[in-house]
Amino acid sequence: MQAVTLLAEAADLARRLDYTLREEYLDGAGGGHCFFGGKKWLLLDVTQSVDEQLSVITDALRTDDAVWRMPVSPQLAGMIRVSRAA
């Protein structure tokens, strides 16, 4: 599955899990996720590559147990399960 398709699936999944997604021009500073004001937030840096944005979303989804109660493609599920080596 192409990275663009996976990014769209991951973003849709995050929205279904009540994340508020913000796509901002951050000049390569990177995005992230947090819980603020009673909401789950995902901030994507649109200057980053599709793979980098996908990594930000999968990092957030990896911390959310509710993700496994949702339909997820095998490719995206594999990305969520994998944690980064130090």
PDB file of N, CA and C in Angstrom:
ATOM      1  N   MET A   1       0.856  -1.182   0.000  1.00  0.00           N
ATOM      2  CA  MET A   1       0.000   0.000   0.000  1.00  0.00           C
ATOM      3  C   MET A   1       0.897   1.238   0.000  1.00  0.00           C
ATOM      4  N   GLN A   2       0.532   2.221  -0.785  1.00  0.00           N
ATOM      5  CA  GLN A   2       1.334   3.436  -0.880  1.00  0.00           C
ATOM      6  C   GLN A   2       1.248   4.272   0.391  1.00  0.00           C
ATOM      7  N   ALA A   3       2.313   5.013   0.657  1.00  0.00           N
ATOM      8  CA  ALA A   3       2.393   5.831   1.869  1.00  0.00           C
ATOM      9  C   ALA A   3       1.275   6.866   1.929  1.00  0.00           C
ATOM     10  N   VAL A   4       0.903   7.447   0.795  1.00  0.00           N
ATOM     11  CA  VAL A   4      -0.165   8.459   0.783  1.00  0.00           C
ATOM     12  C   VAL A   4      -1.485   7.832   1.218  1.00  0.00           C
ATOM     13  N   THR A   5      -1.753   6.620   0.749  1.00  0.00           N
ATOM     14  CA  THR A   5      -2.977   5.913   1.125  1.00  0.00           C
ATOM     15  C   THR A   5      -2.961   5.577   2.607  1.00  0.00           C
ATOM     16  N   LEU A   6      -1.810   5.134   3.108  1.00  0.00           N
ATOM     17  CA  LEU A   6      -1.683   4.831   4.537  1.00  0.00           C
ATOM     18  C   LEU A   6      -1.854   6.084   5.387  1.00  0.00           C
ATOM     19  N   LEU A   7      -1.310   7.205   4.927  1.00  0.00           N
ATOM     20  CA  LEU A   7      -1.468   8.465   5.655  1.00  0.00           C
ATOM     21  C   LEU A   7      -2.942   8.845   5.740  1.00  0.00           C
ATOM     22  N   ALA A   8      -3.663   8.711   4.643  1.00  0.00           N
ATOM     23  CA  ALA A   8      -5.095   9.034   4.641  1.00  0.00           C
ATOM     24  C   ALA A   8      -5.857   8.109   5.581  1.00  0.00           C
ATOM     25  N   GLU A   9      -5.531   6.818   5.562  1.00  0.00           N
ATOM     26  CA  GLU A   9      -6.192   5.868   6.455  1.00  0.00           C
ATOM     27  C   GLU A   9      -5.885   6.191   7.914  1.00  0.00           C
ATOM     28  N   ALA A  10      -4.629   6.486   8.204  1.00  0.00           N
ATOM     29  CA  ALA A  10      -4.228   6.797   9.579  1.00  0.00           C
ATOM     30  C   ALA A  10      -4.902   8.074  10.074  1.00  0.00           C
ATOM     31  N   ALA A  11      -4.975   9.089   9.226  1.00  0.00           N
ATOM     32  CA  ALA A  11      -5.630  10.346   9.610  1.00  0.00           C
ATOM     33  C   ALA A  11      -7.113  10.118   9.861  1.00  0.00           C
ATOM     34  N   ASP A  12      -7.753   9.323   9.008  1.00  0.00           N
ATOM     35  CA  ASP A  12      -9.171   9.009   9.194  1.00  0.00           C
ATOM     36  C   ASP A  12      -9.383   8.246  10.498  1.00  0.00           C
ATOM     37  N   LEU A  13      -8.528   7.286  10.765  1.00  0.00           N
ATOM     38  CA  LEU A  13      -8.620   6.515  12.001  1.00  0.00           C
ATOM     39  C   LEU A  13      -8.446   7.425  13.215  1.00  0.00           C
ATOM     40  N   ALA A  14      -7.488   8.316  13.163  1.00  0.00           N
ATOM     41  CA  ALA A  14      -7.272   9.248  14.275  1.00  0.00           C
ATOM     42  C   ALA A  14      -8.514  10.107  14.511  1.00  0.00           C
ATOM     43  N   ARG A  15      -9.114  10.589  13.449  1.00  0.00           N
ATOM     44  CA  ARG A  15     -10.337  11.399  13.600  1.00  0.00           C
ATOM     45  C   ARG A  15     -11.465  10.577  14.215  1.00  0.00           C
ATOM     46  N   ARG A  16     -11.599   9.310  13.793  1.00  0.00           N
ATOM     47  CA  ARG A  16     -12.637   8.442  14.370  1.00  0.00           C
ATOM     48  C   ARG A  16     -12.376   8.160  15.847  1.00  0.00           C
ATOM     49  N   LEU A  17     -11.128   8.291  16.261  1.00  0.00           N
ATOM     50  CA  LEU A  17     -10.766   8.121  17.671  1.00  0.00           C
ATOM     51  C   LEU A  17     -10.759   9.455  18.417  1.00  0.00           C
ATOM     52  N   ASP A  18     -11.390  10.451  17.816  1.00  0.00           N
ATOM     53  CA  ASP A  18     -11.590  11.774  18.428  1.00  0.00           C
ATOM     54  C   ASP A  18     -10.330  12.618  18.563  1.00  0.00           C
ATOM     55  N   TYR A  19      -9.341  12.384  17.714  1.00  0.00           N
ATOM     56  CA  TYR A  19      -8.203  13.291  17.655  1.00  0.00           C
ATOM     57  C   TYR A  19      -8.597  14.493  16.807  1.00  0.00           C
ATOM     58  N   THR A  20      -8.164  15.656  17.216  1.00  0.00           N
ATOM     59  CA  THR A  20      -8.286  16.854  16.396  1.00  0.00           C
ATOM     60  C   THR A  20      -6.971  16.994  15.645  1.00  0.00           C
ATOM     61  N   LEU A  21      -7.045  16.964  14.323  1.00  0.00           N
ATOM     62  CA  LEU A  21      -5.839  17.072  13.497  1.00  0.00           C
ATOM     63  C   LEU A  21      -5.656  18.496  13.020  1.00  0.00           C
ATOM     64  N   ARG A  22      -4.446  19.002  13.198  1.00  0.00           N
ATOM     65  CA  ARG A  22      -4.072  20.322  12.668  1.00  0.00           C
ATOM     66  C   ARG A  22      -2.918  20.110  11.719  1.00  0.00           C
ATOM     67  N   GLU A  23      -3.047  20.641  10.539  1.00  0.00           N
ATOM     68  CA  GLU A  23      -1.981  20.580   9.551  1.00  0.00           C
ATOM     69  C   GLU A  23      -1.447  21.995   9.386  1.00  0.00           C
ATOM     70  N   GLU A  24      -0.204  22.194   9.792  1.00  0.00           N
ATOM     71  CA  GLU A  24       0.384  23.531   9.836  1.00  0.00           C
ATOM     72  C   GLU A  24       1.732  23.554   9.124  1.00  0.00           C
ATOM     73  N   TYR A  25       2.098  24.712   8.636  1.00  0.00           N
ATOM     74  CA  TYR A  25       3.417  24.938   8.060  1.00  0.00           C
ATOM     75  C   TYR A  25       4.363  25.246   9.217  1.00  0.00           C
ATOM     76  N   LEU A  26       5.200  24.275   9.571  1.00  0.00           N
ATOM     77  CA  LEU A  26       6.110  24.437  10.707  1.00  0.00           C
ATOM     78  C   LEU A  26       7.571  24.455  10.268  1.00  0.00           C
ATOM     79  N   ASP A  27       7.795  24.603   8.988  1.00  0.00           N
ATOM     80  CA  ASP A  27       9.141  24.746   8.425  1.00  0.00           C
ATOM     81  C   ASP A  27      10.085  23.633   8.865  1.00  0.00           C
ATOM     82  N   GLY A  28       9.576  22.407   8.895  1.00  0.00           N
ATOM     83  CA  GLY A  28      10.419  21.258   9.216  1.00  0.00           C
ATOM     84  C   GLY A  28      10.616  20.988  10.689  1.00  0.00           C
ATOM     85  N   ALA A  29       9.944  21.746  11.555  1.00  0.00           N
ATOM     86  CA  ALA A  29      10.110  21.557  13.003  1.00  0.00           C
ATOM     87  C   ALA A  29       9.508  20.241  13.483  1.00  0.00           C
ATOM     88  N   GLY A  30       8.603  19.676  12.714  1.00  0.00           N
ATOM     89  CA  GLY A  30       7.996  18.400  13.087  1.00  0.00           C
ATOM     90  C   GLY A  30       6.698  18.586  13.829  1.00  0.00           C
ATOM     91  N   GLY A  31       5.933  17.542  13.864  1.00  0.00           N
ATOM     92  CA  GLY A  31       4.647  17.555  14.546  1.00  0.00           C
ATOM     93  C   GLY A  31       4.714  16.735  15.813  1.00  0.00           C
ATOM     94  N   GLY A  32       3.547  16.386  16.321  1.00  0.00           N
ATOM     95  CA  GLY A  32       3.473  15.579  17.527  1.00  0.00           C
ATOM     96  C   GLY A  32       2.040  15.429  17.975  1.00  0.00           C
ATOM     97  N   HIS A  33       1.877  14.827  19.141  1.00  0.00           N
ATOM     98  CA  HIS A  33       0.537  14.644  19.685  1.00  0.00           C
ATOM     99  C   HIS A  33       0.544  14.964  21.176  1.00  0.00           C
ATOM    100  N   CYS A  34      -0.632  15.373  21.661  1.00  0.00           N
ATOM    101  CA  CYS A  34      -0.764  15.688  23.082  1.00  0.00           C
ATOM    102  C   CYS A  34      -2.234  15.639  23.474  1.00  0.00           C
ATOM    103  N   PHE A  35      -2.470  15.706  24.767  1.00  0.00           N
ATOM    104  CA  PHE A  35      -3.812  15.799  25.325  1.00  0.00           C
ATOM    105  C   PHE A  35      -3.882  17.150  26.010  1.00  0.00           C
ATOM    106  N   PHE A  36      -4.772  18.026  25.541  1.00  0.00           N
ATOM    107  CA  PHE A  36      -4.844  19.391  26.057  1.00  0.00           C
ATOM    108  C   PHE A  36      -6.291  19.848  26.037  1.00  0.00           C
ATOM    109  N   GLY A  37      -6.738  20.452  27.131  1.00  0.00           N
ATOM    110  CA  GLY A  37      -8.099  20.980  27.196  1.00  0.00           C
ATOM    111  C   GLY A  37      -9.159  19.909  27.034  1.00  0.00           C
ATOM    112  N   GLY A  38      -8.847  18.702  27.495  1.00  0.00           N
ATOM    113  CA  GLY A  38      -9.804  17.610  27.394  1.00  0.00           C
ATOM    114  C   GLY A  38      -9.912  17.007  26.004  1.00  0.00           C
ATOM    115  N   LYS A  39      -8.992  17.354  25.111  1.00  0.00           N
ATOM    116  CA  LYS A  39      -9.017  16.836  23.744  1.00  0.00           C
ATOM    117  C   LYS A  39      -7.688  16.194  23.383  1.00  0.00           C
ATOM    118  N   LYS A  40      -7.763  15.228  22.469  1.00  0.00           N
ATOM    119  CA  LYS A  40      -6.560  14.625  21.901  1.00  0.00           C
ATOM    120  C   LYS A  40      -6.211  15.407  20.637  1.00  0.00           C
ATOM    121  N   TRP A  41      -4.959  15.857  20.548  1.00  0.00           N
ATOM    122  CA  TRP A  41      -4.507  16.681  19.427  1.00  0.00           C
ATOM    123  C   TRP A  41      -3.383  15.993  18.669  1.00  0.00           C
ATOM    124  N   LEU A  42      -3.414  16.158  17.352  1.00  0.00           N
ATOM    125  CA  LEU A  42      -2.330  15.729  16.472  1.00  0.00           C
ATOM    126  C   LEU A  42      -1.938  16.920  15.625  1.00  0.00           C
ATOM    127  N   LEU A  43      -0.687  17.282  15.664  1.00  0.00           N
ATOM    128  CA  LEU A  43      -0.184  18.405  14.876  1.00  0.00           C
ATOM    129  C   LEU A  43       0.763  17.850  13.819  1.00  0.00           C
ATOM    130  N   LEU A  44       0.422  18.085  12.550  1.00  0.00           N
ATOM    131  CA  LEU A  44       1.243  17.617  11.438  1.00  0.00           C
ATOM    132  C   LEU A  44       1.930  18.796  10.777  1.00  0.00           C
ATOM    133  N   ASP A  45       3.209  18.644  10.525  1.00  0.00           N
ATOM    134  CA  ASP A  45       3.992  19.660   9.820  1.00  0.00           C
ATOM    135  C   ASP A  45       3.919  19.337   8.328  1.00  0.00           C
ATOM    136  N   VAL A  46       3.208  20.166   7.571  1.00  0.00           N
ATOM    137  CA  VAL A  46       3.003  19.886   6.144  1.00  0.00           C
ATOM    138  C   VAL A  46       4.286  19.997   5.328  1.00  0.00           C
ATOM    139  N   THR A  47       5.349  20.538   5.912  1.00  0.00           N
ATOM    140  CA  THR A  47       6.621  20.590   5.183  1.00  0.00           C
ATOM    141  C   THR A  47       7.383  19.274   5.298  1.00  0.00           C
ATOM    142  N   GLN A  48       6.928  18.380   6.171  1.00  0.00           N
ATOM    143  CA  GLN A  48       7.575  17.080   6.309  1.00  0.00           C
ATOM    144  C   GLN A  48       7.062  16.125   5.232  1.00  0.00           C
ATOM    145  N   SER A  49       7.810  15.070   5.005  1.00  0.00           N
ATOM    146  CA  SER A  49       7.417  14.066   4.017  1.00  0.00           C
ATOM    147  C   SER A  49       6.179  13.309   4.497  1.00  0.00           C
ATOM    148  N   VAL A  50       5.552  12.621   3.568  1.00  0.00           N
ATOM    149  CA  VAL A  50       4.397  11.787   3.898  1.00  0.00           C
ATOM    150  C   VAL A  50       4.792  10.751   4.944  1.00  0.00           C
ATOM    151  N   ASP A  51       5.958  10.129   4.786  1.00  0.00           N
ATOM    152  CA  ASP A  51       6.413   9.126   5.752  1.00  0.00           C
ATOM    153  C   ASP A  51       6.592   9.716   7.150  1.00  0.00           C
ATOM    154  N   GLU A  52       7.126  10.926   7.229  1.00  0.00           N
ATOM    155  CA  GLU A  52       7.310  11.571   8.535  1.00  0.00           C
ATOM    156  C   GLU A  52       5.964  11.911   9.170  1.00  0.00           C
ATOM    157  N   GLN A  53       5.019  12.402   8.385  1.00  0.00           N
ATOM    158  CA  GLN A  53       3.689  12.700   8.912  1.00  0.00           C
ATOM    159  C   GLN A  53       2.991  11.416   9.365  1.00  0.00           C
ATOM    160  N   LEU A  54       3.143  10.359   8.585  1.00  0.00           N
ATOM    161  CA  LEU A  54       2.565   9.067   8.952  1.00  0.00           C
ATOM    162  C   LEU A  54       3.156   8.571  10.263  1.00  0.00           C
ATOM    163  N   SER A  55       4.435   8.783  10.460  1.00  0.00           N
ATOM    164  CA  SER A  55       5.089   8.382  11.699  1.00  0.00           C
ATOM    165  C   SER A  55       4.513   9.127  12.905  1.00  0.00           C
ATOM    166  N   VAL A  56       4.229  10.406  12.748  1.00  0.00           N
ATOM    167  CA  VAL A  56       3.632  11.193  13.837  1.00  0.00           C
ATOM    168  C   VAL A  56       2.275  10.601  14.218  1.00  0.00           C
ATOM    169  N   ILE A  57       1.473  10.273  13.218  1.00  0.00           N
ATOM    170  CA  ILE A  57       0.142   9.733  13.501  1.00  0.00           C
ATOM    171  C   ILE A  57       0.241   8.346  14.121  1.00  0.00           C
ATOM    172  N   THR A  58       1.080   7.476  13.567  1.00  0.00           N
ATOM    173  CA  THR A  58       1.175   6.125  14.130  1.00  0.00           C
ATOM    174  C   THR A  58       1.756   6.145  15.540  1.00  0.00           C
ATOM    175  N   ASP A  59       2.648   7.080  15.836  1.00  0.00           N
ATOM    176  CA  ASP A  59       3.150   7.216  17.209  1.00  0.00           C
ATOM    177  C   ASP A  59       2.005   7.528  18.170  1.00  0.00           C
ATOM    178  N   ALA A  60       1.098   8.402  17.756  1.00  0.00           N
ATOM    179  CA  ALA A  60      -0.049   8.750  18.598  1.00  0.00           C
ATOM    180  C   ALA A  60      -0.999   7.567  18.731  1.00  0.00           C
ATOM    181  N   LEU A  61      -1.302   6.919  17.621  1.00  0.00           N
ATOM    182  CA  LEU A  61      -2.238   5.794  17.646  1.00  0.00           C
ATOM    183  C   LEU A  61      -1.710   4.651  18.499  1.00  0.00           C
ATOM    184  N   ARG A  62      -0.410   4.473  18.505  1.00  0.00           N
ATOM    185  CA  ARG A  62       0.218   3.409  19.285  1.00  0.00           C
ATOM    186  C   ARG A  62      -0.077   3.562  20.779  1.00  0.00           C
ATOM    187  N   THR A  63      -0.325   4.784  21.241  1.00  0.00           N
ATOM    188  CA  THR A  63      -0.578   5.033  22.666  1.00  0.00           C
ATOM    189  C   THR A  63      -2.057   4.930  23.022  1.00  0.00           C
ATOM    190  N   ASP A  64      -2.910   4.697  22.028  1.00  0.00           N
ATOM    191  CA  ASP A  64      -4.362   4.700  22.232  1.00  0.00           C
ATOM    192  C   ASP A  64      -4.900   3.278  22.128  1.00  0.00           C
ATOM    193  N   ASP A  65      -5.294   2.691  23.268  1.00  0.00           N
ATOM    194  CA  ASP A  65      -5.790   1.313  23.275  1.00  0.00           C
ATOM    195  C   ASP A  65      -7.043   1.126  22.428  1.00  0.00           C
ATOM    196  N   ALA A  66      -7.806   2.178  22.230  1.00  0.00           N
ATOM    197  CA  ALA A  66      -9.047   2.083  21.454  1.00  0.00           C
ATOM    198  C   ALA A  66      -8.788   1.776  19.985  1.00  0.00           C
ATOM    199  N   VAL A  67      -7.563   1.963  19.530  1.00  0.00           N
ATOM    200  CA  VAL A  67      -7.246   1.738  18.116  1.00  0.00           C
ATOM    201  C   VAL A  67      -7.551   0.300  17.705  1.00  0.00           C
ATOM    202  N   TRP A  68      -7.403  -0.647  18.601  1.00  0.00           N
ATOM    203  CA  TRP A  68      -7.590  -2.056  18.250  1.00  0.00           C
ATOM    204  C   TRP A  68      -9.052  -2.469  18.225  1.00  0.00           C
ATOM    205  N   ARG A  69      -9.959  -1.568  18.581  1.00  0.00           N
ATOM    206  CA  ARG A  69     -11.398  -1.840  18.459  1.00  0.00           C
ATOM    207  C   ARG A  69     -11.952  -1.300  17.143  1.00  0.00           C
ATOM    208  N   MET A  70     -11.078  -0.753  16.319  1.00  0.00           N
ATOM    209  CA  MET A  70     -11.474  -0.158  15.045  1.00  0.00           C
ATOM    210  C   MET A  70     -10.937  -1.017  13.898  1.00  0.00           C
ATOM    211  N   PRO A  71     -11.632  -0.994  12.750  1.00  0.00           N
ATOM    212  CA  PRO A  71     -11.074  -1.702  11.592  1.00  0.00           C
ATOM    213  C   PRO A  71      -9.815  -0.995  11.086  1.00  0.00           C
ATOM    214  N   VAL A  72      -8.760  -1.762  10.917  1.00  0.00           N
ATOM    215  CA  VAL A  72      -7.466  -1.225  10.500  1.00  0.00           C
ATOM    216  C   VAL A  72      -6.881  -2.174   9.453  1.00  0.00           C
ATOM    217  N   SER A  73      -6.326  -1.622   8.389  1.00  0.00           N
ATOM    218  CA  SER A  73      -5.698  -2.471   7.368  1.00  0.00           C
ATOM    219  C   SER A  73      -4.493  -3.187   7.975  1.00  0.00           C
ATOM    220  N   PRO A  74      -4.156  -4.348   7.443  1.00  0.00           N
ATOM    221  CA  PRO A  74      -2.981  -5.057   7.962  1.00  0.00           C
ATOM    222  C   PRO A  74      -1.699  -4.218   7.880  1.00  0.00           C
ATOM    223  N   GLN A  75      -1.559  -3.430   6.825  1.00  0.00           N
ATOM    224  CA  GLN A  75      -0.353  -2.610   6.677  1.00  0.00           C
ATOM    225  C   GLN A  75      -0.258  -1.551   7.773  1.00  0.00           C
ATOM    226  N   LEU A  76      -1.372  -0.862   8.032  1.00  0.00           N
ATOM    227  CA  LEU A  76      -1.364   0.166   9.073  1.00  0.00           C
ATOM    228  C   LEU A  76      -1.211  -0.472  10.447  1.00  0.00           C
ATOM    229  N   ALA A  77      -1.876  -1.602  10.668  1.00  0.00           N
ATOM    230  CA  ALA A  77      -1.749  -2.298  11.953  1.00  0.00           C
ATOM    231  C   ALA A  77      -0.290  -2.650  12.227  1.00  0.00           C
ATOM    232  N   GLY A  78       0.419  -3.097  11.203  1.00  0.00           N
ATOM    233  CA  GLY A  78       1.834  -3.424  11.367  1.00  0.00           C
ATOM    234  C   GLY A  78       2.658  -2.212  11.747  1.00  0.00           C
ATOM    235  N   MET A  79       2.339  -1.070  11.157  1.00  0.00           N
ATOM    236  CA  MET A  79       3.078   0.159  11.478  1.00  0.00           C
ATOM    237  C   MET A  79       2.794   0.623  12.901  1.00  0.00           C
ATOM    238  N   ILE A  80       1.572   0.434  13.359  1.00  0.00           N
ATOM    239  CA  ILE A  80       1.207   0.856  14.713  1.00  0.00           C
ATOM    240  C   ILE A  80       1.882  -0.046  15.743  1.00  0.00           C
ATOM    241  N   ARG A  81       1.949  -1.330  15.459  1.00  0.00           N
ATOM    242  CA  ARG A  81       2.540  -2.281  16.404  1.00  0.00           C
ATOM    243  C   ARG A  81       4.038  -2.081  16.585  1.00  0.00           C
ATOM    244  N   VAL A  82       4.713  -1.692  15.549  1.00  0.00           N
ATOM    245  CA  VAL A  82       6.172  -1.571  15.593  1.00  0.00           C
ATOM    246  C   VAL A  82       6.561  -0.342  16.391  1.00  0.00           C
ATOM    247  N   SER A  83       7.393  -0.536  17.388  1.00  0.00           N
ATOM    248  CA  SER A  83       7.911   0.618  18.121  1.00  0.00           C
ATOM    249  C   SER A  83       9.346   0.851  17.676  1.00  0.00           C
ATOM    250  N   ARG A  84       9.764   2.075  17.773  1.00  0.00           N
ATOM    251  CA  ARG A  84      11.108   2.430  17.314  1.00  0.00           C
ATOM    252  C   ARG A  84      12.168   1.929  18.279  1.00  0.00           C
ATOM    253  N   ALA A  85      13.241   1.468  17.718  1.00  0.00           N
ATOM    254  CA  ALA A  85      14.389   1.066  18.534  1.00  0.00           C
ATOM    255  C   ALA A  85      15.140   2.311  18.983  1.00  0.00           C
ATOM    256  N   ALA A  86      15.704   2.230  20.160  1.00  0.00           N
ATOM    257  CA  ALA A  86      16.446   3.381  20.684  1.00  0.00           C
ATOM    258  C   ALA A  86      17.749   3.565  19.961  1.00  0.00           C
TER     259      ALA A  86
END
